Amino acid sequence: MATSWDKDWRCFANEEKVVGVSFEDRDIKFLRLYGQPEFKIYLEKDTLNEYDSNAVKVMASAMIDGKTVIEELGLLSKYTAQQLKDEQELDARPYSVHLPTQDHKYGLCISVLVRSKRYRDKTYGKSVSPVPQKVAWEPPPWTEEDDENVELLYEDLRYKDDCEAYCIKKPSKKLIKQAVKMLHNKGMSSDEAYADIYRVVEELVKIKPDLQDY
């Protein structure tokens, strides 16, 4: 999606994957807003988030039937949000969207913006903190807390009725841990994985396709 920004903003991350997009029908919410008058994507700090005090929500708004409609589309990754915890002004632009098909799930990528040096110098003076630079991510060590989140996921997927809600057969705890570790190595914390079970299920089916139970 072609977008632009003025010189008062600088691109912190050009193609940032939004997490939690499969939660609460967020794909449908995006499709409802996209293409409507005054559509925009922006960022909002979520200081009340029980999993991460640095959490940043990805929001969208547009005019529908003469009214402004606002929806949450997901979150920045925990790692990116931590790097931006001291930034008071953030913005975003849509970068790309992958619509759901038979072989691919819905996905959304955005450009994350921070205030430019020009703006900082003009507004706050030259003593203000420098423009943050995105640091290459490396997966953190696996911890006992991660194992606890695997246990919680196993509890949510241990019964047939629960698995049927996600259209899968019952996975083993070992397989769930493998799926969560794969997401962990891609930048999704086990907290985020527990909050987005559909993403874990998607990873489970990638590992073992015959888990799919249509």
N, C-alpha and C. Protein backbone atom coordinates (compact mmCIF):
# COMPACT_ATOMS: atom_id res chain seq x y z
N MET A 1 0.84 -1.18 0.00
CA MET A 1 0.00 0.00 0.00
C MET A 1 0.88 1.24 0.00
N ALA A 2 0.69 2.12 -0.96
CA ALA A 2 1.52 3.30 -1.10
C ALA A 2 1.10 4.36 -0.07
N THR A 3 2.04 4.78 0.77
CA THR A 3 1.78 5.83 1.75
C THR A 3 3.00 6.72 1.84
N SER A 4 2.88 7.83 2.54
CA SER A 4 4.00 8.76 2.70
C SER A 4 3.88 9.48 4.03
N TRP A 5 4.92 10.22 4.40
CA TRP A 5 4.91 11.02 5.62
C TRP A 5 5.83 12.21 5.41
N ASP A 6 5.62 13.26 6.20
CA ASP A 6 6.42 14.48 6.01
C ASP A 6 7.74 14.40 6.77
N LYS A 7 8.53 15.46 6.68
CA LYS A 7 9.90 15.45 7.24
C LYS A 7 9.93 15.48 8.76
N ASP A 8 8.79 15.70 9.38
CA ASP A 8 8.76 15.67 10.85
C ASP A 8 8.72 14.25 11.40
N TRP A 9 8.61 13.27 10.50
CA TRP A 9 8.60 11.87 10.91
C TRP A 9 9.76 11.12 10.26
N ARG A 10 10.23 10.09 10.94
CA ARG A 10 11.28 9.23 10.41
C ARG A 10 10.81 7.78 10.56
N CYS A 11 11.15 6.95 9.58
CA CYS A 11 10.73 5.56 9.61
C CYS A 11 11.62 4.77 10.57
N PHE A 12 11.02 4.22 11.61
CA PHE A 12 11.74 3.38 12.57
C PHE A 12 11.80 1.94 12.08
N ALA A 13 10.70 1.45 11.52
CA ALA A 13 10.63 0.08 10.99
C ALA A 13 9.74 0.12 9.76
N ASN A 14 10.27 -0.30 8.63
CA ASN A 14 9.54 -0.15 7.37
C ASN A 14 8.46 -1.20 7.18
N GLU A 15 8.70 -2.42 7.65
CA GLU A 15 7.76 -3.52 7.43
C GLU A 15 7.60 -4.31 8.72
N GLU A 16 6.87 -3.71 9.65
CA GLU A 16 6.67 -4.29 10.98
C GLU A 16 5.40 -5.14 10.98
N LYS A 17 5.56 -6.41 11.31
CA LYS A 17 4.40 -7.30 11.35
C LYS A 17 3.57 -7.05 12.60
N VAL A 18 2.28 -6.84 12.42
CA VAL A 18 1.37 -6.61 13.54
C VAL A 18 1.00 -7.97 14.14
N VAL A 19 1.07 -8.07 15.46
CA VAL A 19 0.74 -9.34 16.12
C VAL A 19 -0.68 -9.29 16.67
N GLY A 20 -1.25 -10.48 16.87
CA GLY A 20 -2.60 -10.58 17.42
C GLY A 20 -3.69 -10.23 16.43
N VAL A 21 -3.40 -10.32 15.11
CA VAL A 21 -4.37 -9.87 14.12
C VAL A 21 -5.55 -10.83 13.95
N SER A 22 -5.41 -12.07 14.41
CA SER A 22 -6.50 -13.03 14.25
C SER A 22 -7.47 -13.01 15.43
N PHE A 23 -7.19 -12.17 16.42
CA PHE A 23 -8.01 -12.11 17.63
C PHE A 23 -9.21 -11.19 17.42
N GLU A 24 -10.37 -11.58 17.93
CA GLU A 24 -11.57 -10.74 17.93
C GLU A 24 -11.98 -10.25 16.54
N ASP A 25 -11.85 -11.11 15.51
CA ASP A 25 -12.27 -10.77 14.14
C ASP A 25 -11.61 -9.49 13.62
N ARG A 26 -10.33 -9.31 13.93
CA ARG A 26 -9.66 -8.07 13.52
C ARG A 26 -9.47 -7.99 12.01
N ASP A 27 -9.43 -9.15 11.33
CA ASP A 27 -9.34 -9.11 9.88
C ASP A 27 -10.61 -8.49 9.28
N ILE A 28 -11.75 -8.85 9.84
CA ILE A 28 -13.02 -8.29 9.37
C ILE A 28 -13.09 -6.79 9.67
N LYS A 29 -12.60 -6.40 10.83
CA LYS A 29 -12.59 -4.98 11.20
C LYS A 29 -11.73 -4.17 10.24
N PHE A 30 -10.56 -4.73 9.86
CA PHE A 30 -9.70 -4.04 8.90
C PHE A 30 -10.42 -3.87 7.57
N LEU A 31 -11.02 -4.95 7.08
CA LEU A 31 -11.69 -4.89 5.78
C LEU A 31 -12.87 -3.93 5.80
N ARG A 32 -13.51 -3.80 6.94
CA ARG A 32 -14.63 -2.87 7.05
C ARG A 32 -14.16 -1.42 6.91
N LEU A 33 -12.97 -1.12 7.46
CA LEU A 33 -12.49 0.26 7.47
C LEU A 33 -11.68 0.63 6.23
N TYR A 34 -10.91 -0.34 5.72
CA TYR A 34 -10.00 -0.02 4.62
C TYR A 34 -10.77 0.44 3.38
N GLY A 35 -10.30 1.52 2.79
CA GLY A 35 -10.93 2.06 1.59
C GLY A 35 -12.05 3.04 1.86
N GLN A 36 -12.43 3.18 3.15
CA GLN A 36 -13.46 4.14 3.50
C GLN A 36 -12.86 5.55 3.62
N PRO A 37 -13.67 6.60 3.53
CA PRO A 37 -13.14 7.97 3.67
C PRO A 37 -12.38 8.17 4.97
N GLU A 38 -11.27 8.89 4.87
CA GLU A 38 -10.43 9.25 6.02
C GLU A 38 -9.86 8.03 6.74
N PHE A 39 -9.66 6.93 6.02
CA PHE A 39 -9.03 5.75 6.62
C PHE A 39 -7.59 6.08 7.02
N LYS A 40 -7.23 5.67 8.21
CA LYS A 40 -5.83 5.82 8.65
C LYS A 40 -5.51 4.76 9.70
N ILE A 41 -4.22 4.47 9.81
CA ILE A 41 -3.69 3.58 10.84
C ILE A 41 -2.78 4.41 11.74
N TYR A 42 -2.87 4.19 13.03
CA TYR A 42 -2.04 4.94 13.97
C TYR A 42 -1.72 4.05 15.18
N LEU A 43 -0.83 4.54 16.04
CA LEU A 43 -0.39 3.77 17.21
C LEU A 43 -0.87 4.44 18.49
N GLU A 44 -1.13 3.61 19.49
CA GLU A 44 -1.62 4.12 20.77
C GLU A 44 -1.03 3.27 21.88
N LYS A 45 -0.40 3.90 22.85
CA LYS A 45 0.19 3.14 23.96
C LYS A 45 -0.90 2.55 24.83
N ASP A 46 -0.67 1.29 25.23
CA ASP A 46 -1.66 0.55 26.02
C ASP A 46 -1.08 0.32 27.41
N THR A 47 -1.12 1.35 28.24
CA THR A 47 -0.49 1.29 29.56
C THR A 47 -1.23 0.36 30.52
N LEU A 48 -2.44 -0.03 30.19
CA LEU A 48 -3.22 -0.92 31.06
C LEU A 48 -3.08 -2.39 30.66
N ASN A 49 -2.24 -2.67 29.67
CA ASN A 49 -2.06 -4.04 29.22
C ASN A 49 -1.46 -4.90 30.35
N GLU A 50 -2.15 -5.97 30.71
CA GLU A 50 -1.71 -6.78 31.85
C GLU A 50 -0.48 -7.63 31.54
N TYR A 51 -0.17 -7.83 30.25
CA TYR A 51 0.97 -8.64 29.88
C TYR A 51 2.24 -7.82 29.65
N ASP A 52 2.08 -6.55 29.27
CA ASP A 52 3.24 -5.75 28.90
C ASP A 52 2.92 -4.27 29.11
N SER A 53 3.59 -3.65 30.07
CA SER A 53 3.33 -2.23 30.37
C SER A 53 3.80 -1.32 29.25
N ASN A 54 4.65 -1.84 28.34
CA ASN A 54 5.12 -1.05 27.20
C ASN A 54 4.29 -1.27 25.94
N ALA A 55 3.23 -2.03 26.04
CA ALA A 55 2.46 -2.44 24.86
C ALA A 55 1.98 -1.24 24.04
N VAL A 56 1.99 -1.42 22.72
CA VAL A 56 1.52 -0.39 21.79
C VAL A 56 0.47 -1.01 20.87
N LYS A 57 -0.71 -0.44 20.90
CA LYS A 57 -1.81 -0.93 20.06
C LYS A 57 -1.72 -0.33 18.66
N VAL A 58 -2.06 -1.14 17.67
CA VAL A 58 -2.20 -0.67 16.29
C VAL A 58 -3.69 -0.42 16.05
N MET A 59 -4.02 0.84 15.80
CA MET A 59 -5.41 1.25 15.67
C MET A 59 -5.71 1.69 14.24
N ALA A 60 -6.99 1.69 13.89
CA ALA A 60 -7.43 2.21 12.59
C ALA A 60 -8.74 2.95 12.78
N SER A 61 -8.95 3.95 11.94
CA SER A 61 -10.21 4.68 11.97
C SER A 61 -10.61 5.06 10.55
N ALA A 62 -11.89 5.30 10.37
CA ALA A 62 -12.42 5.73 9.07
C ALA A 62 -13.82 6.26 9.29
N MET A 63 -14.33 6.97 8.27
CA MET A 63 -15.70 7.47 8.32
C MET A 63 -16.63 6.46 7.65
N ILE A 64 -17.64 6.04 8.37
CA ILE A 64 -18.66 5.12 7.82
C ILE A 64 -20.03 5.70 8.14
N ASP A 65 -20.80 5.95 7.11
CA ASP A 65 -22.14 6.54 7.27
C ASP A 65 -22.09 7.83 8.08
N GLY A 66 -21.06 8.62 7.82
CA GLY A 66 -20.95 9.92 8.48
C GLY A 66 -20.43 9.90 9.89
N LYS A 67 -20.04 8.73 10.39
CA LYS A 67 -19.52 8.62 11.75
C LYS A 67 -18.10 8.05 11.75
N THR A 68 -17.27 8.50 12.69
CA THR A 68 -15.92 7.97 12.83
C THR A 68 -15.97 6.64 13.56
N VAL A 69 -15.46 5.61 12.92
CA VAL A 69 -15.40 4.27 13.52
C VAL A 69 -13.95 3.95 13.82
N ILE A 70 -13.68 3.51 15.04
CA ILE A 70 -12.31 3.21 15.49
C ILE A 70 -12.25 1.75 15.91
N GLU A 71 -11.19 1.05 15.46
CA GLU A 71 -11.02 -0.36 15.80
C GLU A 71 -9.55 -0.64 16.14
N GLU A 72 -9.33 -1.60 17.05
CA GLU A 72 -7.98 -2.09 17.31
C GLU A 72 -7.68 -3.22 16.33
N LEU A 73 -6.51 -3.14 15.67
CA LEU A 73 -6.13 -4.15 14.68
C LEU A 73 -5.09 -5.13 15.20
N GLY A 74 -4.48 -4.84 16.34
CA GLY A 74 -3.44 -5.72 16.87
C GLY A 74 -2.46 -4.94 17.72
N LEU A 75 -1.25 -5.47 17.85
CA LEU A 75 -0.22 -4.86 18.68
C LEU A 75 1.13 -4.88 17.96
N LEU A 76 2.01 -3.95 18.35
CA LEU A 76 3.40 -4.10 17.97
C LEU A 76 3.98 -5.27 18.75
N SER A 77 5.00 -5.91 18.22
CA SER A 77 5.64 -6.99 18.97
C SER A 77 6.18 -6.45 20.29
N LYS A 78 6.28 -7.32 21.26
CA LYS A 78 6.78 -6.92 22.58
C LYS A 78 8.19 -6.34 22.49
N TYR A 79 9.00 -6.88 21.60
CA TYR A 79 10.38 -6.42 21.45
C TYR A 79 10.41 -5.00 20.87
N THR A 80 9.61 -4.75 19.84
CA THR A 80 9.57 -3.42 19.25
C THR A 80 9.00 -2.41 20.23
N ALA A 81 7.94 -2.78 20.94
CA ALA A 81 7.34 -1.87 21.92
C ALA A 81 8.33 -1.49 23.01
N GLN A 82 9.18 -2.45 23.40
CA GLN A 82 10.18 -2.16 24.44
C GLN A 82 11.19 -1.13 23.94
N GLN A 83 11.57 -1.21 22.67
CA GLN A 83 12.51 -0.24 22.11
C GLN A 83 11.92 1.16 22.01
N LEU A 84 10.60 1.24 21.95
CA LEU A 84 9.93 2.53 21.79
C LEU A 84 9.30 3.04 23.09
N LYS A 85 9.64 2.44 24.21
CA LYS A 85 8.96 2.76 25.48
C LYS A 85 9.15 4.20 25.91
N ASP A 86 10.24 4.85 25.50
CA ASP A 86 10.49 6.23 25.92
C ASP A 86 10.00 7.26 24.91
N GLU A 87 9.45 6.79 23.80
CA GLU A 87 8.96 7.72 22.77
C GLU A 87 7.54 8.18 23.12
N GLN A 88 7.36 9.48 23.18
CA GLN A 88 6.04 10.03 23.50
C GLN A 88 5.16 10.18 22.26
N GLU A 89 5.79 10.32 21.09
CA GLU A 89 5.02 10.51 19.86
C GLU A 89 5.37 9.41 18.87
N LEU A 90 4.36 8.66 18.48
CA LEU A 90 4.52 7.58 17.51
C LEU A 90 3.42 7.69 16.46
N ASP A 91 3.69 7.16 15.29
CA ASP A 91 2.67 7.11 14.26
C ASP A 91 2.92 5.88 13.39
N ALA A 92 2.06 5.62 12.45
CA ALA A 92 2.20 4.44 11.59
C ALA A 92 1.51 4.68 10.26
N ARG A 93 1.91 3.88 9.28
CA ARG A 93 1.27 3.87 7.98
C ARG A 93 1.08 2.42 7.56
N PRO A 94 0.01 2.09 6.85
CA PRO A 94 -0.12 0.72 6.34
C PRO A 94 0.97 0.42 5.33
N TYR A 95 1.53 -0.77 5.39
CA TYR A 95 2.58 -1.18 4.45
C TYR A 95 2.07 -2.25 3.49
N SER A 96 1.53 -3.33 4.06
CA SER A 96 0.98 -4.39 3.22
C SER A 96 -0.04 -5.19 4.01
N VAL A 97 -0.94 -5.82 3.29
CA VAL A 97 -1.92 -6.70 3.92
C VAL A 97 -2.03 -7.97 3.10
N HIS A 98 -2.09 -9.10 3.79
CA HIS A 98 -2.27 -10.40 3.14
C HIS A 98 -3.66 -10.89 3.51
N LEU A 99 -4.53 -10.93 2.53
CA LEU A 99 -5.90 -11.34 2.80
C LEU A 99 -6.00 -12.86 2.90
N PRO A 100 -6.92 -13.37 3.72
CA PRO A 100 -7.02 -14.82 3.91
C PRO A 100 -7.45 -15.54 2.64
N THR A 101 -6.74 -16.62 2.34
CA THR A 101 -7.09 -17.50 1.24
C THR A 101 -7.04 -18.92 1.78
N GLN A 102 -7.16 -19.88 0.92
CA GLN A 102 -7.15 -21.28 1.37
C GLN A 102 -5.81 -21.66 1.98
N ASP A 103 -4.72 -21.06 1.47
CA ASP A 103 -3.39 -21.46 1.94
C ASP A 103 -2.71 -20.43 2.84
N HIS A 104 -3.27 -19.24 2.96
CA HIS A 104 -2.63 -18.19 3.73
C HIS A 104 -3.62 -17.51 4.67
N LYS A 105 -3.11 -17.19 5.86
CA LYS A 105 -3.93 -16.49 6.83
C LYS A 105 -3.79 -14.98 6.64
N TYR A 106 -4.72 -14.23 7.23
CA TYR A 106 -4.67 -12.78 7.20
C TYR A 106 -3.43 -12.28 7.92
N GLY A 107 -2.78 -11.29 7.36
CA GLY A 107 -1.61 -10.66 7.99
C GLY A 107 -1.55 -9.20 7.63
N LEU A 108 -1.00 -8.39 8.54
CA LEU A 108 -0.90 -6.95 8.33
C LEU A 108 0.49 -6.48 8.71
N CYS A 109 1.11 -5.70 7.84
CA CYS A 109 2.41 -5.08 8.12
C CYS A 109 2.26 -3.57 8.02
N ILE A 110 2.97 -2.85 8.89
CA ILE A 110 2.90 -1.39 8.91
C ILE A 110 4.30 -0.79 8.93
N SER A 111 4.40 0.48 8.58
CA SER A 111 5.61 1.26 8.79
C SER A 111 5.45 2.01 10.11
N VAL A 112 6.40 1.84 11.02
CA VAL A 112 6.35 2.51 12.32
C VAL A 112 7.17 3.79 12.24
N LEU A 113 6.59 4.90 12.68
CA LEU A 113 7.24 6.21 12.57
C LEU A 113 7.53 6.80 13.94
N VAL A 114 8.70 7.45 14.05
CA VAL A 114 9.07 8.23 15.23
C VAL A 114 9.40 9.65 14.76
N ARG A 115 9.45 10.56 15.68
CA ARG A 115 9.75 11.94 15.31
C ARG A 115 11.19 12.07 14.80
N SER A 116 11.39 12.87 13.77
CA SER A 116 12.70 13.06 13.14
C SER A 116 13.59 13.97 13.99
N LYS A 117 14.88 13.95 13.70
CA LYS A 117 15.83 14.83 14.39
C LYS A 117 15.45 16.29 14.13
N ARG A 118 15.04 16.60 12.92
CA ARG A 118 14.63 17.96 12.57
C ARG A 118 13.51 18.44 13.49
N TYR A 119 12.52 17.60 13.69
CA TYR A 119 11.39 17.96 14.54
C TYR A 119 11.83 18.08 15.99
N ARG A 120 12.64 17.14 16.45
CA ARG A 120 13.10 17.16 17.85
C ARG A 120 13.90 18.41 18.15
N ASP A 121 14.83 18.75 17.24
CA ASP A 121 15.65 19.95 17.45
C ASP A 121 14.78 21.20 17.45
N LYS A 122 13.83 21.26 16.53
CA LYS A 122 12.96 22.44 16.39
C LYS A 122 12.02 22.58 17.59
N THR A 123 11.52 21.45 18.10
CA THR A 123 10.49 21.49 19.14
C THR A 123 11.06 21.47 20.55
N TYR A 124 12.08 20.65 20.75
CA TYR A 124 12.59 20.45 22.11
C TYR A 124 14.01 20.97 22.34
N GLY A 125 14.69 21.36 21.28
CA GLY A 125 16.08 21.77 21.42
C GLY A 125 17.02 20.59 21.24
N LYS A 126 18.30 20.89 21.07
CA LYS A 126 19.26 19.85 20.70
C LYS A 126 19.63 18.92 21.85
N SER A 127 19.17 19.22 23.07
CA SER A 127 19.51 18.37 24.22
C SER A 127 18.59 17.16 24.34
N VAL A 128 17.57 17.10 23.51
CA VAL A 128 16.62 16.00 23.61
C VAL A 128 17.28 14.68 23.18
N SER A 129 16.71 13.56 23.62
CA SER A 129 17.29 12.26 23.30
C SER A 129 17.32 12.04 21.79
N PRO A 130 18.30 11.28 21.28
CA PRO A 130 18.43 11.06 19.84
C PRO A 130 17.29 10.22 19.29
N VAL A 131 17.16 10.24 17.96
CA VAL A 131 16.15 9.43 17.29
C VAL A 131 16.50 7.95 17.50
N PRO A 132 15.57 7.13 17.97
CA PRO A 132 15.89 5.72 18.22
C PRO A 132 16.16 4.97 16.92
N GLN A 133 17.06 4.01 17.00
CA GLN A 133 17.38 3.14 15.87
C GLN A 133 16.89 1.73 16.19
N LYS A 134 16.25 1.11 15.25
CA LYS A 134 15.76 -0.26 15.48
C LYS A 134 16.94 -1.21 15.64
N VAL A 135 16.92 -1.99 16.69
CA VAL A 135 17.99 -2.95 16.98
C VAL A 135 17.58 -4.32 16.46
N ALA A 136 18.49 -4.96 15.76
CA ALA A 136 18.20 -6.30 15.23
C ALA A 136 17.80 -7.24 16.37
N TRP A 137 16.77 -8.02 16.12
CA TRP A 137 16.22 -8.87 17.17
C TRP A 137 16.90 -10.23 17.23
N GLU A 138 17.14 -10.70 18.45
CA GLU A 138 17.60 -12.07 18.68
C GLU A 138 16.68 -12.69 19.72
N PRO A 139 16.28 -13.93 19.53
CA PRO A 139 15.36 -14.53 20.50
C PRO A 139 15.97 -14.60 21.89
N PRO A 140 15.22 -14.21 22.92
CA PRO A 140 15.74 -14.31 24.29
C PRO A 140 15.79 -15.75 24.75
N PRO A 141 16.49 -16.02 25.83
CA PRO A 141 16.53 -17.40 26.35
C PRO A 141 15.13 -17.88 26.75
N TRP A 142 14.90 -19.16 26.58
CA TRP A 142 13.64 -19.79 27.01
C TRP A 142 13.64 -19.87 28.53
N THR A 143 12.52 -19.52 29.16
CA THR A 143 12.47 -19.45 30.62
C THR A 143 11.37 -20.34 31.20
N GLU A 144 11.34 -20.42 32.54
CA GLU A 144 10.28 -21.16 33.22
C GLU A 144 8.91 -20.54 32.93
N GLU A 145 8.88 -19.22 32.80
CA GLU A 145 7.61 -18.54 32.48
C GLU A 145 7.09 -19.01 31.12
N ASP A 146 8.00 -19.23 30.17
CA ASP A 146 7.58 -19.74 28.86
C ASP A 146 6.98 -21.14 29.00
N ASP A 147 7.61 -21.97 29.82
CA ASP A 147 7.06 -23.32 30.06
C ASP A 147 5.68 -23.24 30.71
N GLU A 148 5.47 -22.27 31.60
CA GLU A 148 4.17 -22.10 32.24
C GLU A 148 3.11 -21.72 31.21
N ASN A 149 3.48 -20.87 30.24
CA ASN A 149 2.53 -20.49 29.20
C ASN A 149 2.18 -21.67 28.30
N VAL A 150 3.16 -22.56 28.07
CA VAL A 150 2.88 -23.78 27.32
C VAL A 150 1.88 -24.64 28.08
N GLU A 151 2.04 -24.73 29.39
CA GLU A 151 1.09 -25.49 30.21
C GLU A 151 -0.32 -24.91 30.09
N LEU A 152 -0.42 -23.58 30.11
CA LEU A 152 -1.73 -22.93 29.99
C LEU A 152 -2.36 -23.21 28.63
N LEU A 153 -1.54 -23.18 27.59
CA LEU A 153 -2.04 -23.48 26.25
C LEU A 153 -2.51 -24.93 26.16
N TYR A 154 -1.75 -25.82 26.79
CA TYR A 154 -2.13 -27.24 26.79
C TYR A 154 -3.47 -27.43 27.49
N GLU A 155 -3.68 -26.70 28.60
CA GLU A 155 -4.95 -26.79 29.31
C GLU A 155 -6.11 -26.32 28.42
N ASP A 156 -5.84 -25.32 27.59
CA ASP A 156 -6.88 -24.79 26.70
C ASP A 156 -7.15 -25.71 25.51
N LEU A 157 -6.22 -26.62 25.21
CA LEU A 157 -6.36 -27.46 24.02
C LEU A 157 -6.38 -28.96 24.35
N ARG A 158 -6.63 -29.29 25.60
CA ARG A 158 -6.53 -30.70 25.99
C ARG A 158 -7.85 -31.47 25.81
N TYR A 159 -8.95 -30.74 25.64
CA TYR A 159 -10.24 -31.40 25.51
C TYR A 159 -10.77 -31.32 24.08
N LYS A 160 -11.49 -32.34 23.69
CA LYS A 160 -11.97 -32.45 22.30
C LYS A 160 -12.82 -31.25 21.89
N ASP A 161 -13.74 -30.82 22.77
CA ASP A 161 -14.62 -29.70 22.43
C ASP A 161 -13.82 -28.42 22.18
N ASP A 162 -12.78 -28.21 22.99
CA ASP A 162 -11.95 -27.01 22.81
C ASP A 162 -11.21 -27.07 21.48
N CYS A 163 -10.70 -28.25 21.15
CA CYS A 163 -9.96 -28.40 19.88
C CYS A 163 -10.89 -28.23 18.68
N GLU A 164 -12.11 -28.72 18.81
CA GLU A 164 -13.06 -28.59 17.70
C GLU A 164 -13.35 -27.12 17.39
N ALA A 165 -13.28 -26.26 18.40
CA ALA A 165 -13.52 -24.84 18.18
C ALA A 165 -12.44 -24.23 17.28
N TYR A 166 -11.26 -24.86 17.27
CA TYR A 166 -10.15 -24.38 16.43
C TYR A 166 -9.94 -25.28 15.21
N CYS A 167 -10.86 -26.23 15.01
CA CYS A 167 -10.81 -27.14 13.84
C CYS A 167 -9.52 -27.95 13.80
N ILE A 168 -9.08 -28.43 14.97
CA ILE A 168 -7.90 -29.30 15.01
C ILE A 168 -8.18 -30.49 15.93
N LYS A 169 -7.36 -31.54 15.77
CA LYS A 169 -7.37 -32.65 16.70
C LYS A 169 -6.49 -32.29 17.89
N LYS A 170 -6.63 -33.04 18.96
CA LYS A 170 -5.89 -32.72 20.18
C LYS A 170 -4.38 -32.84 19.96
N PRO A 171 -3.61 -31.76 20.20
CA PRO A 171 -2.15 -31.82 20.07
C PRO A 171 -1.51 -32.25 21.39
N SER A 172 -0.34 -32.81 21.30
CA SER A 172 0.40 -33.17 22.51
C SER A 172 1.05 -31.92 23.10
N LYS A 173 1.40 -32.01 24.39
CA LYS A 173 2.08 -30.90 25.03
C LYS A 173 3.44 -30.64 24.36
N LYS A 174 4.11 -31.70 23.95
CA LYS A 174 5.40 -31.57 23.27
C LYS A 174 5.25 -30.79 21.97
N LEU A 175 4.19 -31.05 21.24
CA LEU A 175 3.96 -30.38 19.97
C LEU A 175 3.61 -28.90 20.19
N ILE A 176 2.82 -28.64 21.22
CA ILE A 176 2.49 -27.25 21.55
C ILE A 176 3.75 -26.47 21.90
N LYS A 177 4.62 -27.10 22.69
CA LYS A 177 5.86 -26.42 23.05
C LYS A 177 6.71 -26.15 21.81
N GLN A 178 6.75 -27.09 20.89
CA GLN A 178 7.51 -26.89 19.65
C GLN A 178 6.94 -25.71 18.86
N ALA A 179 5.62 -25.61 18.79
CA ALA A 179 4.98 -24.52 18.06
C ALA A 179 5.27 -23.18 18.72
N VAL A 180 5.16 -23.12 20.04
CA VAL A 180 5.41 -21.87 20.76
C VAL A 180 6.88 -21.47 20.64
N LYS A 181 7.78 -22.46 20.66
CA LYS A 181 9.21 -22.15 20.49
C LYS A 181 9.49 -21.59 19.10
N MET A 182 8.81 -22.12 18.10
CA MET A 182 9.00 -21.60 16.74
C MET A 182 8.53 -20.15 16.65
N LEU A 183 7.41 -19.85 17.27
CA LEU A 183 6.93 -18.46 17.31
C LEU A 183 7.86 -17.58 18.13
N HIS A 184 8.36 -18.13 19.23
CA HIS A 184 9.34 -17.43 20.09
C HIS A 184 10.56 -17.02 19.28
N ASN A 185 11.04 -17.92 18.43
CA ASN A 185 12.23 -17.64 17.62
C ASN A 185 11.94 -16.66 16.49
N LYS A 186 10.64 -16.46 16.18
CA LYS A 186 10.25 -15.47 15.16
C LYS A 186 9.96 -14.10 15.78
N GLY A 187 9.99 -14.03 17.12
CA GLY A 187 9.76 -12.74 17.77
C GLY A 187 8.47 -12.62 18.53
N MET A 188 7.71 -13.70 18.62
CA MET A 188 6.45 -13.66 19.36
C MET A 188 6.66 -14.29 20.73
N SER A 189 6.44 -13.53 21.78
CA SER A 189 6.65 -14.06 23.12
C SER A 189 5.60 -15.11 23.45
N SER A 190 5.87 -15.92 24.45
CA SER A 190 4.89 -16.93 24.85
C SER A 190 3.64 -16.28 25.43
N ASP A 191 3.79 -15.09 26.05
CA ASP A 191 2.62 -14.34 26.51
C ASP A 191 1.72 -13.99 25.33
N GLU A 192 2.33 -13.48 24.25
CA GLU A 192 1.58 -13.12 23.06
C GLU A 192 0.96 -14.35 22.42
N ALA A 193 1.69 -15.46 22.45
CA ALA A 193 1.16 -16.70 21.88
C ALA A 193 -0.06 -17.17 22.66
N TYR A 194 -0.01 -17.06 23.97
CA TYR A 194 -1.16 -17.48 24.79
C TYR A 194 -2.37 -16.58 24.53
N ALA A 195 -2.10 -15.30 24.22
CA ALA A 195 -3.20 -14.37 23.94
C ALA A 195 -3.72 -14.51 22.52
N ASP A 196 -3.01 -15.27 21.68
CA ASP A 196 -3.41 -15.42 20.28
C ASP A 196 -3.33 -16.90 19.91
N ILE A 197 -4.27 -17.70 20.45
CA ILE A 197 -4.22 -19.15 20.27
C ILE A 197 -4.33 -19.54 18.80
N TYR A 198 -5.07 -18.73 18.02
CA TYR A 198 -5.20 -19.04 16.60
C TYR A 198 -3.83 -19.08 15.92
N ARG A 199 -2.93 -18.22 16.34
CA ARG A 199 -1.58 -18.20 15.76
C ARG A 199 -0.83 -19.48 16.14
N VAL A 200 -1.02 -19.93 17.37
CA VAL A 200 -0.39 -21.19 17.81
C VAL A 200 -0.96 -22.35 17.01
N VAL A 201 -2.29 -22.36 16.83
CA VAL A 201 -2.93 -23.42 16.05
C VAL A 201 -2.39 -23.44 14.62
N GLU A 202 -2.23 -22.25 14.05
CA GLU A 202 -1.68 -22.16 12.69
C GLU A 202 -0.28 -22.79 12.63
N GLU A 203 0.52 -22.54 13.66
CA GLU A 203 1.87 -23.10 13.70
C GLU A 203 1.83 -24.61 13.91
N LEU A 204 0.90 -25.07 14.74
CA LEU A 204 0.74 -26.50 14.97
C LEU A 204 0.44 -27.24 13.68
N VAL A 205 -0.45 -26.67 12.87
CA VAL A 205 -0.82 -27.31 11.61
C VAL A 205 0.33 -27.29 10.62
N LYS A 206 1.16 -26.26 10.67
CA LYS A 206 2.36 -26.22 9.81
C LYS A 206 3.30 -27.37 10.17
N ILE A 207 3.45 -27.61 11.48
CA ILE A 207 4.34 -28.68 11.94
C ILE A 207 3.76 -30.05 11.62
N LYS A 208 2.46 -30.19 11.86
CA LYS A 208 1.80 -31.49 11.67
C LYS A 208 0.47 -31.28 10.96
N PRO A 209 0.47 -31.26 9.63
CA PRO A 209 -0.74 -30.95 8.85
C PRO A 209 -1.94 -31.84 9.16
N ASP A 210 -1.69 -33.11 9.55
CA ASP A 210 -2.84 -33.98 9.80
C ASP A 210 -3.59 -33.66 11.11
N LEU A 211 -3.13 -32.64 11.84
CA LEU A 211 -3.90 -32.16 12.98
C LEU A 211 -5.15 -31.44 12.53
N GLN A 212 -5.13 -30.91 11.31
CA GLN A 212 -6.28 -30.18 10.80
C GLN A 212 -7.50 -31.08 10.79
N ASP A 213 -8.59 -30.57 11.36
CA ASP A 213 -9.81 -31.37 11.45
C ASP A 213 -10.96 -30.51 10.93
N TYR A 214 -11.21 -30.59 9.62
CA TYR A 214 -12.21 -29.72 9.00
C TYR A 214 -13.62 -30.10 9.44
